PDB file of N, CA and C in Angstrom:
ATOM      1  N   LEU A   1      29.630   4.140  22.760  1.00  0.00           N
ATOM      2  CA  LEU A   1      29.006   5.377  22.869  1.00  0.00           C
ATOM      3  C   LEU A   1      28.343   5.574  24.211  1.00  0.00           C
ATOM      4  N   SER A   2      28.440   6.749  24.736  1.00  0.00           N
ATOM      5  CA  SER A   2      27.666   7.015  26.055  1.00  0.00           C
ATOM      6  C   SER A   2      27.174   8.395  25.878  1.00  0.00           C
ATOM      7  N   VAL A   3      26.096   8.642  26.620  1.00  0.00           N
ATOM      8  CA  VAL A   3      25.384   9.910  26.685  1.00  0.00           C
ATOM      9  C   VAL A   3      25.114  10.232  27.918  1.00  0.00           C
ATOM     10  N   LEU A   4      25.324  11.476  28.351  1.00  0.00           N
ATOM     11  CA  LEU A   4      24.974  12.013  29.740  1.00  0.00           C
ATOM     12  C   LEU A   4      23.957  13.220  29.578  1.00  0.00           C
ATOM     13  N   GLY A   5      22.790  13.033  30.062  1.00  0.00           N
ATOM     14  CA  GLY A   5      21.854  14.188  30.154  1.00  0.00           C
ATOM     15  C   GLY A   5      21.895  14.855  31.445  1.00  0.00           C
ATOM     16  N   VAL A   6      21.834  16.200  31.311  1.00  0.00           N
ATOM     17  CA  VAL A   6      21.822  17.001  32.557  1.00  0.00           C
ATOM     18  C   VAL A   6      20.682  17.876  32.531  1.00  0.00           C
ATOM     19  N   GLU A   7      19.913  17.868  33.628  1.00  0.00           N
ATOM     20  CA  GLU A   7      18.565  18.605  33.742  1.00  0.00           C
ATOM     21  C   GLU A   7      18.516  19.212  35.058  1.00  0.00           C
ATOM     22  N   SER A   8      17.996  20.355  35.217  1.00  0.00           N
ATOM     23  CA  SER A   8      17.997  21.062  36.459  1.00  0.00           C
ATOM     24  C   SER A   8      16.704  20.713  37.319  1.00  0.00           C
ATOM     25  N   THR A   9      15.842  19.911  36.714  1.00  0.00           N
ATOM     26  CA  THR A   9      14.589  19.474  37.380  1.00  0.00           C
ATOM     27  C   THR A   9      14.564  18.072  37.671  1.00  0.00           C
ATOM     28  N   GLU A  10      14.518  17.674  38.993  1.00  0.00           N
ATOM     29  CA  GLU A  10      14.484  16.419  39.436  1.00  0.00           C
ATOM     30  C   GLU A  10      13.422  15.437  38.661  1.00  0.00           C
ATOM     31  N   SER A  11      12.282  16.041  38.553  1.00  0.00           N
ATOM     32  CA  SER A  11      11.230  15.250  37.842  1.00  0.00           C
ATOM     33  C   SER A  11      11.453  14.904  36.393  1.00  0.00           C
ATOM     34  N   ALA A  12      12.300  15.820  35.712  1.00  0.00           N
ATOM     35  CA  ALA A  12      12.670  15.551  34.319  1.00  0.00           C
ATOM     36  C   ALA A  12      13.729  14.388  34.298  1.00  0.00           C
ATOM     37  N   VAL A  13      14.605  14.368  35.352  1.00  0.00           N
ATOM     38  CA  VAL A  13      15.575  13.363  35.389  1.00  0.00           C
ATOM     39  C   VAL A  13      14.954  12.003  35.627  1.00  0.00           C
ATOM     40  N   LEU A  14      13.980  12.021  36.523  1.00  0.00           N
ATOM     41  CA  LEU A  14      13.237  10.738  36.740  1.00  0.00           C
ATOM     42  C   LEU A  14      12.516  10.184  35.517  1.00  0.00           C
ATOM     43  N   ASP A  15      11.875  11.162  34.787  1.00  0.00           N
ATOM     44  CA  ASP A  15      11.171  10.761  33.636  1.00  0.00           C
ATOM     45  C   ASP A  15      12.081  10.282  32.524  1.00  0.00           C
ATOM     46  N   ALA A  16      13.289  10.825  32.467  1.00  0.00           N
ATOM     47  CA  ALA A  16      14.180  10.426  31.426  1.00  0.00           C
ATOM     48  C   ALA A  16      14.634   9.055  31.770  1.00  0.00           C
ATOM     49  N   LYS A  17      15.036   8.768  33.073  1.00  0.00           N
ATOM     50  CA  LYS A  17      15.487   7.484  33.407  1.00  0.00           C
ATOM     51  C   LYS A  17      14.458   6.465  33.271  1.00  0.00           C
ATOM     52  N   ARG A  18      13.145   6.694  33.531  1.00  0.00           N
ATOM     53  CA  ARG A  18      12.044   5.725  33.250  1.00  0.00           C
ATOM     54  C   ARG A  18      11.781   5.491  31.812  1.00  0.00           C
ATOM     55  N   ASN A  19      11.976   6.436  30.938  1.00  0.00           N
ATOM     56  CA  ASN A  19      11.840   6.358  29.504  1.00  0.00           C
ATOM     57  C   ASN A  19      12.975   5.547  28.967  1.00  0.00           C
ATOM     58  N   ALA A  20      14.243   5.743  29.459  1.00  0.00           N
ATOM     59  CA  ALA A  20      15.269   4.929  28.961  1.00  0.00           C
ATOM     60  C   ALA A  20      15.096   3.484  29.349  1.00  0.00           C
ATOM     61  N   ASP A  21      14.750   3.207  30.646  1.00  0.00           N
ATOM     62  CA  ASP A  21      14.524   1.786  31.083  1.00  0.00           C
ATOM     63  C   ASP A  21      13.387   1.092  30.265  1.00  0.00           C
ATOM     64  N   ARG A  22      12.294   1.900  30.088  1.00  0.00           N
ATOM     65  CA  ARG A  22      11.112   1.454  29.402  1.00  0.00           C
ATOM     66  C   ARG A  22      11.525   1.002  28.022  1.00  0.00           C
ATOM     67  N   ASN A  23      12.315   1.761  27.226  1.00  0.00           N
ATOM     68  CA  ASN A  23      12.844   1.591  25.880  1.00  0.00           C
ATOM     69  C   ASN A  23      14.053   0.871  25.737  1.00  0.00           C
ATOM     70  N   GLU A  24      14.449   0.223  26.924  1.00  0.00           N
ATOM     71  CA  GLU A  24      15.690  -0.547  26.895  1.00  0.00           C
ATOM     72  C   GLU A  24      16.951   0.183  26.234  1.00  0.00           C
ATOM     73  N   VAL A  25      17.051   1.428  26.517  1.00  0.00           N
ATOM     74  CA  VAL A  25      18.142   2.265  25.926  1.00  0.00           C
ATOM     75  C   VAL A  25      19.351   2.053  26.860  1.00  0.00           C
ATOM     76  N   VAL A  26      20.352   1.655  26.353  1.00  0.00           N
ATOM     77  CA  VAL A  26      21.743   1.599  27.060  1.00  0.00           C
ATOM     78  C   VAL A  26      22.741   2.647  26.781  1.00  0.00           C
ATOM     79  N   GLY A  27      23.645   2.795  27.667  1.00  0.00           N
ATOM     80  CA  GLY A  27      24.677   3.868  27.507  1.00  0.00           C
ATOM     81  C   GLY A  27      24.368   5.238  27.812  1.00  0.00           C
ATOM     82  N   VAL A  28      23.189   5.316  28.473  1.00  0.00           N
ATOM     83  CA  VAL A  28      22.796   6.733  28.824  1.00  0.00           C
ATOM     84  C   VAL A  28      22.633   6.978  30.377  1.00  0.00           C
ATOM     85  N   ASP A  29      22.900   8.067  30.844  1.00  0.00           N
ATOM     86  CA  ASP A  29      22.796   8.443  32.352  1.00  0.00           C
ATOM     87  C   ASP A  29      22.257   9.814  32.293  1.00  0.00           C
ATOM     88  N   PHE A  30      21.402  10.008  33.338  1.00  0.00           N
ATOM     89  CA  PHE A  30      20.829  11.321  33.571  1.00  0.00           C
ATOM     90  C   PHE A  30      21.026  11.774  34.957  1.00  0.00           C
ATOM     91  N   VAL A  31      21.595  13.038  35.061  1.00  0.00           N
ATOM     92  CA  VAL A  31      21.787  13.509  36.402  1.00  0.00           C
ATOM     93  C   VAL A  31      21.082  14.938  36.602  1.00  0.00           C
ATOM     94  N   GLU A  32      20.803  15.208  37.797  1.00  0.00           N
ATOM     95  CA  GLU A  32      20.189  16.552  38.088  1.00  0.00           C
ATOM     96  C   GLU A  32      21.309  17.513  38.584  1.00  0.00           C
ATOM     97  N   GLY A  33      21.306  18.825  37.891  1.00  0.00           N
ATOM     98  CA  GLY A  33      22.289  19.722  38.298  1.00  0.00           C
ATOM     99  C   GLY A  33      22.379  20.942  37.287  1.00  0.00           C
ATOM    100  N   ASP A  34      23.215  21.758  37.536  1.00  0.00           N
ATOM    101  CA  ASP A  34      23.357  22.967  36.630  1.00  0.00           C
ATOM    102  C   ASP A  34      24.317  22.485  35.556  1.00  0.00           C
ATOM    103  N   ALA A  35      23.985  22.778  34.405  1.00  0.00           N
ATOM    104  CA  ALA A  35      24.751  22.334  33.236  1.00  0.00           C
ATOM    105  C   ALA A  35      26.210  22.837  33.231  1.00  0.00           C
ATOM    106  N   SER A  36      26.279  24.114  33.634  1.00  0.00           N
ATOM    107  CA  SER A  36      27.647  24.686  33.772  1.00  0.00           C
ATOM    108  C   SER A  36      28.578  23.804  34.765  1.00  0.00           C
ATOM    109  N   GLU A  37      27.967  23.619  35.820  1.00  0.00           N
ATOM    110  CA  GLU A  37      28.746  22.982  36.921  1.00  0.00           C
ATOM    111  C   GLU A  37      29.022  21.511  36.556  1.00  0.00           C
ATOM    112  N   VAL A  38      28.082  20.743  36.087  1.00  0.00           N
ATOM    113  CA  VAL A  38      28.313  19.358  35.675  1.00  0.00           C
ATOM    114  C   VAL A  38      29.345  19.290  34.506  1.00  0.00           C
ATOM    115  N   PHE A  39      29.261  20.257  33.583  1.00  0.00           N
ATOM    116  CA  PHE A  39      30.113  20.265  32.481  1.00  0.00           C
ATOM    117  C   PHE A  39      31.606  20.596  32.868  1.00  0.00           C
ATOM    118  N   ALA A  40      31.708  21.551  33.771  1.00  0.00           N
ATOM    119  CA  ALA A  40      32.956  21.827  34.368  1.00  0.00           C
ATOM    120  C   ALA A  40      33.634  20.664  35.137  1.00  0.00           C
ATOM    121  N   GLU A  41      32.740  20.050  35.804  1.00  0.00           N
ATOM    122  CA  GLU A  41      33.279  18.871  36.538  1.00  0.00           C
ATOM    123  C   GLU A  41      33.792  17.729  35.659  1.00  0.00           C
ATOM    124  N   LYS A  42      32.992  17.495  34.624  1.00  0.00           N
ATOM    125  CA  LYS A  42      33.404  16.522  33.597  1.00  0.00           C
ATOM    126  C   LYS A  42      34.693  16.849  32.894  1.00  0.00           C
ATOM    127  N   LEU A  43      34.958  18.030  32.445  1.00  0.00           N
ATOM    128  CA  LEU A  43      36.174  18.528  31.988  1.00  0.00           C
ATOM    129  C   LEU A  43      37.403  18.456  32.839  1.00  0.00           C
ATOM    130  N   GLU A  44      37.044  18.746  34.122  1.00  0.00           N
ATOM    131  CA  GLU A  44      38.071  18.632  35.179  1.00  0.00           C
ATOM    132  C   GLU A  44      38.582  17.159  35.318  1.00  0.00           C
ATOM    133  N   ASP A  45      37.530  16.277  35.272  1.00  0.00           N
ATOM    134  CA  ASP A  45      37.857  14.853  35.348  1.00  0.00           C
ATOM    135  C   ASP A  45      38.549  14.260  34.175  1.00  0.00           C
ATOM    136  N   GLY A  46      38.654  15.163  33.140  1.00  0.00           N
ATOM    137  CA  GLY A  46      39.435  14.542  31.939  1.00  0.00           C
ATOM    138  C   GLY A  46      38.504  14.098  30.771  1.00  0.00           C
ATOM    139  N   GLU A  47      37.073  14.149  31.197  1.00  0.00           N
ATOM    140  CA  GLU A  47      36.244  13.727  30.122  1.00  0.00           C
ATOM    141  C   GLU A  47      35.890  14.955  29.227  1.00  0.00           C
ATOM    142  N   LYS A  48      35.989  14.717  27.906  1.00  0.00           N
ATOM    143  CA  LYS A  48      35.699  15.550  26.822  1.00  0.00           C
ATOM    144  C   LYS A  48      35.009  14.990  25.711  1.00  0.00           C
ATOM    145  N   PRO A  49      33.662  15.280  25.612  1.00  0.00           N
ATOM    146  CA  PRO A  49      32.828  14.627  24.616  1.00  0.00           C
ATOM    147  C   PRO A  49      33.167  15.151  23.104  1.00  0.00           C
ATOM    148  N   ASP A  50      32.876  14.244  22.138  1.00  0.00           N
ATOM    149  CA  ASP A  50      33.222  14.586  20.848  1.00  0.00           C
ATOM    150  C   ASP A  50      32.058  15.580  20.295  1.00  0.00           C
ATOM    151  N   LEU A  51      30.872  15.514  20.956  1.00  0.00           N
ATOM    152  CA  LEU A  51      29.647  16.320  20.531  1.00  0.00           C
ATOM    153  C   LEU A  51      29.004  16.762  21.819  1.00  0.00           C
ATOM    154  N   LEU A  52      28.727  18.143  21.950  1.00  0.00           N
ATOM    155  CA  LEU A  52      27.868  18.658  23.011  1.00  0.00           C
ATOM    156  C   LEU A  52      26.623  19.161  22.412  1.00  0.00           C
ATOM    157  N   LEU A  53      25.458  18.635  22.923  1.00  0.00           N
ATOM    158  CA  LEU A  53      24.172  19.023  22.634  1.00  0.00           C
ATOM    159  C   LEU A  53      23.613  19.954  23.837  1.00  0.00           C
ATOM    160  N   VAL A  54      23.260  21.112  23.393  1.00  0.00           N
ATOM    161  CA  VAL A  54      22.651  22.114  24.427  1.00  0.00           C
ATOM    162  C   VAL A  54      21.236  22.412  24.061  1.00  0.00           C
ATOM    163  N   ASN A  55      20.384  22.445  25.053  1.00  0.00           N
ATOM    164  CA  ASN A  55      18.943  22.909  24.783  1.00  0.00           C
ATOM    165  C   ASN A  55      18.465  23.758  25.971  1.00  0.00           C
ATOM    166  N   PRO A  56      19.098  25.021  25.955  1.00  0.00           N
ATOM    167  CA  PRO A  56      18.836  25.919  27.208  1.00  0.00           C
ATOM    168  C   PRO A  56      17.412  26.389  27.211  1.00  0.00           C
ATOM    169  N   PRO A  57      17.056  26.914  28.292  1.00  0.00           N
ATOM    170  CA  PRO A  57      15.707  27.573  28.389  1.00  0.00           C
ATOM    171  C   PRO A  57      15.729  28.922  27.559  1.00  0.00           C
ATOM    172  N   ARG A  58      14.678  29.633  27.478  1.00  0.00           N
ATOM    173  CA  ARG A  58      14.545  30.784  26.679  1.00  0.00           C
ATOM    174  C   ARG A  58      15.481  31.783  26.850  1.00  0.00           C
ATOM    175  N   THR A  59      16.155  31.789  28.145  1.00  0.00           N
ATOM    176  CA  THR A  59      17.097  32.781  28.449  1.00  0.00           C
ATOM    177  C   THR A  59      18.449  32.650  27.800  1.00  0.00           C
ATOM    178  N   GLY A  60      18.541  31.367  27.112  1.00  0.00           N
ATOM    179  CA  GLY A  60      19.760  31.110  26.498  1.00  0.00           C
ATOM    180  C   GLY A  60      20.959  30.484  27.434  1.00  0.00           C
ATOM    181  N   LEU A  61      22.002  30.305  26.864  1.00  0.00           N
ATOM    182  CA  LEU A  61      23.149  29.768  27.726  1.00  0.00           C
ATOM    183  C   LEU A  61      23.556  30.767  28.740  1.00  0.00           C
ATOM    184  N   SER A  62      24.048  30.260  29.889  1.00  0.00           N
ATOM    185  CA  SER A  62      24.599  31.138  30.821  1.00  0.00           C
ATOM    186  C   SER A  62      25.967  31.695  30.408  1.00  0.00           C
ATOM    187  N   VAL A  63      26.401  32.775  30.887  1.00  0.00           N
ATOM    188  CA  VAL A  63      27.686  33.233  30.522  1.00  0.00           C
ATOM    189  C   VAL A  63      28.839  32.199  31.028  1.00  0.00           C
ATOM    190  N   GLU A  64      28.637  31.653  32.068  1.00  0.00           N
ATOM    191  CA  GLU A  64      29.681  30.615  32.578  1.00  0.00           C
ATOM    192  C   GLU A  64      29.598  29.454  31.583  1.00  0.00           C
ATOM    193  N   LEU A  65      28.564  28.883  31.116  1.00  0.00           N
ATOM    194  CA  LEU A  65      28.607  27.839  30.228  1.00  0.00           C
ATOM    195  C   LEU A  65      29.203  28.307  28.859  1.00  0.00           C
ATOM    196  N   VAL A  66      28.845  29.388  28.353  1.00  0.00           N
ATOM    197  CA  VAL A  66      29.461  29.792  27.099  1.00  0.00           C
ATOM    198  C   VAL A  66      30.929  29.804  27.243  1.00  0.00           C
ATOM    199  N   LYS A  67      31.439  30.315  28.227  1.00  0.00           N
ATOM    200  CA  LYS A  67      32.919  30.414  28.543  1.00  0.00           C
ATOM    201  C   LYS A  67      33.566  29.008  28.472  1.00  0.00           C
ATOM    202  N   LYS A  68      32.920  28.073  29.247  1.00  0.00           N
ATOM    203  CA  LYS A  68      33.311  26.684  29.370  1.00  0.00           C
ATOM    204  C   LYS A  68      33.501  25.930  28.012  1.00  0.00           C
ATOM    205  N   ILE A  69      32.303  26.258  27.217  1.00  0.00           N
ATOM    206  CA  ILE A  69      32.275  25.702  25.855  1.00  0.00           C
ATOM    207  C   ILE A  69      33.436  26.107  25.122  1.00  0.00           C
ATOM    208  N   LYS A  70      33.570  27.437  25.044  1.00  0.00           N
ATOM    209  CA  LYS A  70      34.622  27.964  24.341  1.00  0.00           C
ATOM    210  C   LYS A  70      35.958  27.637  24.612  1.00  0.00           C
ATOM    211  N   GLU A  71      36.197  27.312  25.868  1.00  0.00           N
ATOM    212  CA  GLU A  71      37.549  26.867  26.337  1.00  0.00           C
ATOM    213  C   GLU A  71      37.774  25.331  26.203  1.00  0.00           C
ATOM    214  N   SER A  72      36.656  24.531  26.014  1.00  0.00           N
ATOM    215  CA  SER A  72      36.776  23.049  26.019  1.00  0.00           C
ATOM    216  C   SER A  72      37.537  22.450  24.777  1.00  0.00           C
ATOM    217  N   GLY A  73      37.311  23.077  23.604  1.00  0.00           N
ATOM    218  CA  GLY A  73      37.868  22.319  22.519  1.00  0.00           C
ATOM    219  C   GLY A  73      36.963  21.329  21.948  1.00  0.00           C
ATOM    220  N   ILE A  74      35.857  21.196  22.322  1.00  0.00           N
ATOM    221  CA  ILE A  74      34.852  20.181  21.855  1.00  0.00           C
ATOM    222  C   ILE A  74      34.685  20.411  20.368  1.00  0.00           C
ATOM    223  N   LYS A  75      34.785  19.304  19.576  1.00  0.00           N
ATOM    224  CA  LYS A  75      34.746  19.459  18.088  1.00  0.00           C
ATOM    225  C   LYS A  75      33.424  19.951  17.452  1.00  0.00           C
ATOM    226  N   HIS A  76      32.367  19.387  18.059  1.00  0.00           N
ATOM    227  CA  HIS A  76      31.058  19.510  17.431  1.00  0.00           C
ATOM    228  C   HIS A  76      29.925  20.025  18.436  1.00  0.00           C
ATOM    229  N   LEU A  77      29.169  21.071  18.202  1.00  0.00           N
ATOM    230  CA  LEU A  77      28.233  21.579  18.984  1.00  0.00           C
ATOM    231  C   LEU A  77      26.917  21.594  18.238  1.00  0.00           C
ATOM    232  N   LEU A  78      25.851  21.055  18.954  1.00  0.00           N
ATOM    233  CA  LEU A  78      24.525  21.145  18.495  1.00  0.00           C
ATOM    234  C   LEU A  78      23.699  21.929  19.427  1.00  0.00           C
ATOM    235  N   TYR A  79      23.072  23.045  18.928  1.00  0.00           N
ATOM    236  CA  TYR A  79      22.424  23.964  19.753  1.00  0.00           C
ATOM    237  C   TYR A  79      20.973  23.946  19.331  1.00  0.00           C
ATOM    238  N   ILE A  80      19.994  23.536  20.329  1.00  0.00           N
ATOM    239  CA  ILE A  80      18.535  23.600  20.085  1.00  0.00           C
ATOM    240  C   ILE A  80      18.108  24.729  20.857  1.00  0.00           C
ATOM    241  N   SER A  81      17.277  25.642  20.231  1.00  0.00           N
ATOM    242  CA  SER A  81      16.773  26.919  20.812  1.00  0.00           C
ATOM    243  C   SER A  81      15.349  27.064  20.581  1.00  0.00           C
ATOM    244  N   CYS A  82      14.655  27.615  21.612  1.00  0.00           N
ATOM    245  CA  CYS A  82      13.254  27.986  21.525  1.00  0.00           C
ATOM    246  C   CYS A  82      13.075  29.478  21.377  1.00  0.00           C
ATOM    247  N   LYS A  83      14.068  30.199  21.321  1.00  0.00           N
ATOM    248  CA  LYS A  83      14.012  31.651  21.337  1.00  0.00           C
ATOM    249  C   LYS A  83      15.069  32.197  20.288  1.00  0.00           C
ATOM    250  N   PRO A  84      14.781  32.673  19.052  1.00  0.00           N
ATOM    251  CA  PRO A  84      15.765  33.134  18.082  1.00  0.00           C
ATOM    252  C   PRO A  84      16.574  34.156  18.491  1.00  0.00           C
ATOM    253  N   SER A  85      16.211  35.144  19.371  1.00  0.00           N
ATOM    254  CA  SER A  85      17.089  36.282  19.846  1.00  0.00           C
ATOM    255  C   SER A  85      18.251  35.695  20.781  1.00  0.00           C
ATOM    256  N   THR A  86      17.899  34.746  21.673  1.00  0.00           N
ATOM    257  CA  THR A  86      18.994  34.290  22.539  1.00  0.00           C
ATOM    258  C   THR A  86      19.941  33.349  21.701  1.00  0.00           C
ATOM    259  N   LEU A  87      19.400  32.635  20.714  1.00  0.00           N
ATOM    260  CA  LEU A  87      20.206  31.881  19.822  1.00  0.00           C
ATOM    261  C   LEU A  87      21.157  32.778  19.209  1.00  0.00           C
ATOM    262  N   ALA A  88      20.610  33.893  18.530  1.00  0.00           N
ATOM    263  CA  ALA A  88      21.512  34.868  17.890  1.00  0.00           C
ATOM    264  C   ALA A  88      22.689  35.331  18.719  1.00  0.00           C
ATOM    265  N   ARG A  89      22.341  35.709  19.991  1.00  0.00           N
ATOM    266  CA  ARG A  89      23.368  36.312  20.921  1.00  0.00           C
ATOM    267  C   ARG A  89      24.318  35.208  21.282  1.00  0.00           C
ATOM    268  N   ASP A  90      23.943  33.900  21.464  1.00  0.00           N
ATOM    269  CA  ASP A  90      24.890  32.926  21.838  1.00  0.00           C
ATOM    270  C   ASP A  90      25.751  32.460  20.683  1.00  0.00           C
ATOM    271  N   LEU A  91      25.189  32.427  19.573  1.00  0.00           N
ATOM    272  CA  LEU A  91      25.888  32.126  18.256  1.00  0.00           C
ATOM    273  C   LEU A  91      27.058  33.206  18.041  1.00  0.00           C
ATOM    274  N   GLY A  92      26.658  34.512  18.346  1.00  0.00           N
ATOM    275  CA  GLY A  92      27.671  35.558  18.270  1.00  0.00           C
ATOM    276  C   GLY A  92      28.804  35.370  19.102  1.00  0.00           C
ATOM    277  N   LEU A  93      28.493  34.781  20.256  1.00  0.00           N
ATOM    278  CA  LEU A  93      29.640  34.556  21.232  1.00  0.00           C
ATOM    279  C   LEU A  93      30.490  33.314  20.837  1.00  0.00           C
ATOM    280  N   LEU A  94      29.767  32.417  20.414  1.00  0.00           N
ATOM    281  CA  LEU A  94      30.500  31.091  20.031  1.00  0.00           C
ATOM    282  C   LEU A  94      31.193  31.057  18.659  1.00  0.00           C
ATOM    283  N   ALA A  95      30.503  31.694  17.660  1.00  0.00           N
ATOM    284  CA  ALA A  95      30.825  31.616  16.422  1.00  0.00           C
ATOM    285  C   ALA A  95      31.216  32.863  15.613  1.00  0.00           C
ATOM    286  N   GLY A  96      31.165  33.998  16.500  1.00  0.00           N
ATOM    287  CA  GLY A  96      31.579  35.410  15.909  1.00  0.00           C
ATOM    288  C   GLY A  96      33.085  35.396  15.697  1.00  0.00           C
ATOM    289  N   LYS A  97      33.570  36.589  15.520  1.00  0.00           N
ATOM    290  CA  LYS A  97      34.958  36.858  15.166  1.00  0.00           C
ATOM    291  C   LYS A  97      35.930  36.192  16.330  1.00  0.00           C
ATOM    292  N   GLU A  98      35.496  36.275  17.496  1.00  0.00           N
ATOM    293  CA  GLU A  98      36.350  35.819  18.622  1.00  0.00           C
ATOM    294  C   GLU A  98      36.005  34.389  18.996  1.00  0.00           C
ATOM    295  N   GLY A  99      34.954  33.866  18.565  1.00  0.00           N
ATOM    296  CA  GLY A  99      34.494  32.596  18.999  1.00  0.00           C
ATOM    297  C   GLY A  99      35.328  31.422  18.149  1.00  0.00           C
ATOM    298  N   PRO A 100      35.456  30.370  18.940  1.00  0.00           N
ATOM    299  CA  PRO A 100      36.178  29.248  18.353  1.00  0.00           C
ATOM    300  C   PRO A 100      35.407  28.273  17.359  1.00  0.00           C
ATOM    301  N   TYR A 101      34.166  28.515  17.177  1.00  0.00           N
ATOM    302  CA  TYR A 101      33.303  27.741  16.273  1.00  0.00           C
ATOM    303  C   TYR A 101      32.937  28.469  15.053  1.00  0.00           C
ATOM    304  N   PHE A 102      32.577  27.775  14.030  1.00  0.00           N
ATOM    305  CA  PHE A 102      31.973  28.284  12.885  1.00  0.00           C
ATOM    306  C   PHE A 102      30.544  27.687  12.702  1.00  0.00           C
ATOM    307  N   LEU A 103      29.691  28.543  12.219  1.00  0.00           N
ATOM    308  CA  LEU A 103      28.267  28.014  12.226  1.00  0.00           C
ATOM    309  C   LEU A 103      28.084  27.295  10.891  1.00  0.00           C
ATOM    310  N   LYS A 104      27.739  26.018  11.022  1.00  0.00           N
ATOM    311  CA  LYS A 104      27.604  25.193   9.656  1.00  0.00           C
ATOM    312  C   LYS A 104      26.243  25.242   9.139  1.00  0.00           C
ATOM    313  N   SER A 105      25.194  25.165  10.080  1.00  0.00           N
ATOM    314  CA  SER A 105      23.912  25.412   9.494  1.00  0.00           C
ATOM    315  C   SER A 105      22.937  25.766  10.681  1.00  0.00           C
ATOM    316  N   VAL A 106      21.705  26.294  10.250  1.00  0.00           N
ATOM    317  CA  VAL A 106      20.723  26.638  11.275  1.00  0.00           C
ATOM    318  C   VAL A 106      19.426  26.174  10.442  1.00  0.00           C
ATOM    319  N   ARG A 107      18.581  25.548  11.245  1.00  0.00           N
ATOM    320  CA  ARG A 107      17.237  25.071  10.552  1.00  0.00           C
ATOM    321  C   ARG A 107      16.160  25.524  11.570  1.00  0.00           C
ATOM    322  N   PRO A 108      15.166  26.209  11.191  1.00  0.00           N
ATOM    323  CA  PRO A 108      13.878  26.391  11.884  1.00  0.00           C
ATOM    324  C   PRO A 108      13.124  25.072  11.856  1.00  0.00           C
ATOM    325  N   VAL A 109      12.440  24.817  12.967  1.00  0.00           N
ATOM    326  CA  VAL A 109      11.468  23.699  13.022  1.00  0.00           C
ATOM    327  C   VAL A 109      10.237  24.090  13.680  1.00  0.00           C
ATOM    328  N   GLU A 110       9.086  24.043  13.042  1.00  0.00           N
ATOM    329  CA  GLU A 110       7.784  24.315  13.545  1.00  0.00           C
ATOM    330  C   GLU A 110       7.149  23.120  14.366  1.00  0.00           C
ATOM    331  N   MET A 111       7.381  23.207  15.640  1.00  0.00           N
ATOM    332  CA  MET A 111       6.853  22.174  16.451  1.00  0.00           C
ATOM    333  C   MET A 111       5.430  22.517  17.218  1.00  0.00           C
ATOM    334  N   LEU A 112       5.172  23.851  17.061  1.00  0.00           N
ATOM    335  CA  LEU A 112       3.943  24.312  17.747  1.00  0.00           C
ATOM    336  C   LEU A 112       3.095  24.979  16.716  1.00  0.00           C
ATOM    337  N   PRO A 113       2.559  24.356  15.754  1.00  0.00           N
ATOM    338  CA  PRO A 113       1.615  24.991  14.667  1.00  0.00           C
ATOM    339  C   PRO A 113       0.559  25.961  15.170  1.00  0.00           C
ATOM    340  N   GLN A 114       0.444  26.960  14.490  1.00  0.00           N
ATOM    341  CA  GLN A 114      -0.596  27.925  14.655  1.00  0.00           C
ATOM    342  C   GLN A 114      -0.197  28.799  15.961  1.00  0.00           C
ATOM    343  N   THR A 115       0.996  28.792  16.217  1.00  0.00           N
ATOM    344  CA  THR A 115       1.634  29.799  17.360  1.00  0.00           C
ATOM    345  C   THR A 115       2.717  30.470  16.759  1.00  0.00           C
ATOM    346  N   SER A 116       3.203  31.482  17.434  1.00  0.00           N
ATOM    347  CA  SER A 116       4.386  32.238  16.974  1.00  0.00           C
ATOM    348  C   SER A 116       5.719  31.574  17.516  1.00  0.00           C
ATOM    349  N   HIS A 117       5.592  30.513  18.090  1.00  0.00           N
ATOM    350  CA  HIS A 117       6.834  29.860  18.584  1.00  0.00           C
ATOM    351  C   HIS A 117       7.512  29.018  17.445  1.00  0.00           C
ATOM    352  N   ILE A 118       8.895  29.074  17.531  1.00  0.00           N
ATOM    353  CA  ILE A 118       9.627  28.243  16.661  1.00  0.00           C
ATOM    354  C   ILE A 118      10.873  27.580  17.433  1.00  0.00           C
ATOM    355  N   GLU A 119      11.182  26.384  16.973  1.00  0.00           N
ATOM    356  CA  GLU A 119      12.521  25.845  17.514  1.00  0.00           C
ATOM    357  C   GLU A 119      13.452  26.016  16.486  1.00  0.00           C
ATOM    358  N   SER A 120      14.791  26.217  16.739  1.00  0.00           N
ATOM    359  CA  SER A 120      15.853  26.203  15.761  1.00  0.00           C
ATOM    360  C   SER A 120      16.900  25.374  16.248  1.00  0.00           C
ATOM    361  N   ILE A 121      17.587  24.668  15.220  1.00  0.00           N
ATOM    362  CA  ILE A 121      18.625  23.758  15.437  1.00  0.00           C
ATOM    363  C   ILE A 121      19.870  24.307  14.718  1.00  0.00           C
ATOM    364  N   ALA A 122      20.934  24.697  15.443  1.00  0.00           N
ATOM    365  CA  ALA A 122      22.098  25.176  14.947  1.00  0.00           C
ATOM    366  C   ALA A 122      23.210  24.058  14.991  1.00  0.00           C
ATOM    367  N   VAL A 123      24.032  23.971  14.011  1.00  0.00           N
ATOM    368  CA  VAL A 123      25.132  23.027  14.090  1.00  0.00           C
ATOM    369  C   VAL A 123      26.538  23.903  13.907  1.00  0.00           C
ATOM    370  N   LEU A 124      27.295  23.656  14.909  1.00  0.00           N
ATOM    371  CA  LEU A 124      28.637  24.368  14.837  1.00  0.00           C
ATOM    372  C   LEU A 124      29.729  23.412  15.000  1.00  0.00           C
ATOM    373  N   ASP A 125      30.779  23.788  14.285  1.00  0.00           N
ATOM    374  CA  ASP A 125      32.028  22.953  14.244  1.00  0.00           C
ATOM    375  C   ASP A 125      33.214  23.873  14.797  1.00  0.00           C
ATOM    376  N   LEU A 126      34.219  23.160  15.444  1.00  0.00           N
ATOM    377  CA  LEU A 126      35.365  23.916  15.912  1.00  0.00           C
ATOM    378  C   LEU A 126      36.122  24.484  14.680  1.00  0.00           C
ATOM    379  N   LYS A 127      36.638  25.689  14.657  1.00  0.00           N
ATOM    380  CA  LYS A 127      37.546  26.193  13.704  1.00  0.00           C
ATOM    381  C   LYS A 127      38.859  25.424  13.700  1.00  0.00           C
ATOM    382  N   GLU A 128      39.293  25.150  12.503  1.00  0.00           N
ATOM    383  CA  GLU A 128      40.724  24.508  12.505  1.00  0.00           C
ATOM    384  C   GLU A 128      41.786  25.563  12.595  1.00  0.00           C
ATOM    385  N   GLY A 129      42.794  25.155  13.195  1.00  0.00           N
ATOM    386  CA  GLY A 129      43.965  26.045  13.400  1.00  0.00           C
ATOM    387  C   GLY A 129      43.792  27.110  14.419  1.00  0.00           C
TER     388      GLY A 129
END
């Protein structure tokens, strides 16, 4: 098992590497970059994960990344969202009539009590056939 974390902020990558070392976590690597670009490079290199976990900013997934995910054929997608409206938009693109995925479940998670903020976790699987 191997895990690749992609983050656009250098300090977040450094923190992730320090935490992995501190906790003796093996099989993980973290890189700084644009998720769409890193994902495209990995696919071009013949690497295709069994599971893709995305946790985009409040603006949701970029158009480029949605397109690459749809074309990838990855079997399982886990989408963590901090904004229900962009989650709904992206789920429509990924799991709507034209999307290659079906929505298996969505669960809201209250991580910031006494605020209006909510996280959501969506599980999508590739449609068969």
